[in-house]
Structures are given as C-alpha cells and as structure tokens.
Amino acid sequence: MIALVYSSKDRTSMLVAEHIIRKYGPTELDHTRMQGISALHKLDTALLVKTDAELVSAEFADSLGADVIYFISKHSSSAGIGSFSTHSEGNWIQKAELGGRPCQLSFAAPAEMLNVLRSLSKIDVEMEKSYEATHHGPLLKTPSLFAELGGNEETRSDIKLAEKLADAIMRAIDMPKEFSKVVVGIGGMHYPSKFSKLAVEKGYAFSHILPKYAVSDDIESSMATLPQVLERSHPKPELALIDWKSFNLETKSKIIKKLNEMGLEYAKV
C-alpha cells in the first residue's frame, strides 16, 4: 500500500492534495482512531493522508502500515529558483535542524524515487527537475521520499504548478519499477545535476545522496553515517557513485577507505 502524505501547514502540499481529490475522486474514510491524521481518502492505488503536523516531524507515518510513503511538500529555495525535486530523508552530520536525528538516515525508496524523477522530468515547464541531496526529517523505518515544488513564495503557491506536481506523482506511482542499479551518490551540490542526469539516462536508482557540503562540514560524522545506506534502502545499493571533482585527494582517500570497509564498490563520475 502506498501513502501520499500532505500537511495543512504547507500551502503547496494542500494545493497538490486538493487537485488529487478533485481530479482522481478518492473516497473519504474514517480517520478518527488514527494518530496524527486529520483526513483520509482512498484512491485506486494509494491512501491520501492529511496531517496537521509539519512533514519534517511526521514520525507518525510509520504507523500507517504503508509499503512506501510519498511526502508532498514545498521546497524553499534560498535563491528563489523554481524547481520540481525529490529526495530521501536523513541527517548526515551532527545537526538536525529540520526534524529527524543527528547522523541518522531514514529508509530510502530508490526505485519509487527514480520513477518520481522520471515523471517530474516530463513536466512541460522550463524549471529544474532533479534529485536533492538527502536532508531533514522525519526519521522513518518505512521507505519514503519527498516530492516537492520549490522556489519563491509565488512559485510555491502557483496552482497550475501544484497541479503538475500532483499529476506527476500520480503517474509515478503507476509506473513499473524499472532500474539498472541501485546506487549511493557521494558529492555534488544540493541539487546534484550529474546524478539526476545519470538516473534519467542510465536508469540508476539513487537511494541516498551525500552532498559535498556535508562531507566538508563534518567529514568524521558523515563517514560514520555512510554505512547506514546499506541497510536503510529497499532494495539495497550495490554501487557508490563519486562525483570525483567534488573532493580533494585526501578526502577522496577517506571516502574510498570507508567504502572498502563497507564492502561497497565505487565508480568515478
């Protein structure tokens, strides 16, 4: 069972959910005995779950009993650049400013996330469509991902863009789970364009992405957290892709040493 979770505290999230309800005609269900839920609808292929909590702290979602959870969300861009994006959750280093816990990763859903990226890439709007690096909460054991509309306030409140995100999510959940390899990404910026391109063109399904800035900010913590990718992903990753230009020789050596300890092969990109 798939759960699509949206929040009353997020206008973008609400706009997307409202379009799904209008267009796809779900049936409203009784939610009164379910913790954290303020509305519940049954779609043909998923549950649509409303919460009054912030999505980054929605740990209640593990209690839904879903096979995979899609969080429908805004993304606030400091540069105000419009984007459609998707990512896994977790905190690589000793900071957890937006939910989750320090040095803890949630369980990733790489095949589903690849389908979201593929679906986003087909949206007929000239905006960035990409993965984001793994960041923020909630910390969950259920495989999950975020699907987001980002940019300035005007972009995030654009009804037409919200509808396009809604339709992209609905397409994605019906797509077959086809991929070449499940991989971990190491390096790149917050929007890792190289990894996003490899995913769409080569069928690499990224589980978690460890960005350059997390390694630079706290290499010891990020390397200590990295082994979690082997267990907190369904399916399990079989390869790490390193954005080779992201790191100096010393940092590359530390990353490769950790991957060798983990028994995870790597490739340079």
Foldseek 3Di string as FASTA:
>chain_A
DEEEEAEPVALLRVLLVVLCCVPQPWAWDDCVPQPQFDTWTDGPQYIYTYGHDDQLAPQSVQVVPDLEYEYEHADEDPVQAKEKEKAFADALACDAPAEDHGLAGAFAEQLLRLLLLLLRVPQPDPGYRAYFAHYGDDHYPRHYMYIYIYGDPVRSNDSVVSNSSSVSNVRSSPDDRDADFEEEEEEAHRGRVVVSVCCNPHRYRYGGYHYLVSCVVPVVSNLVSVLVQQVRYVVGGQEYEYAVVSDDPVSVVSNVVSCVVSVHHYDYD
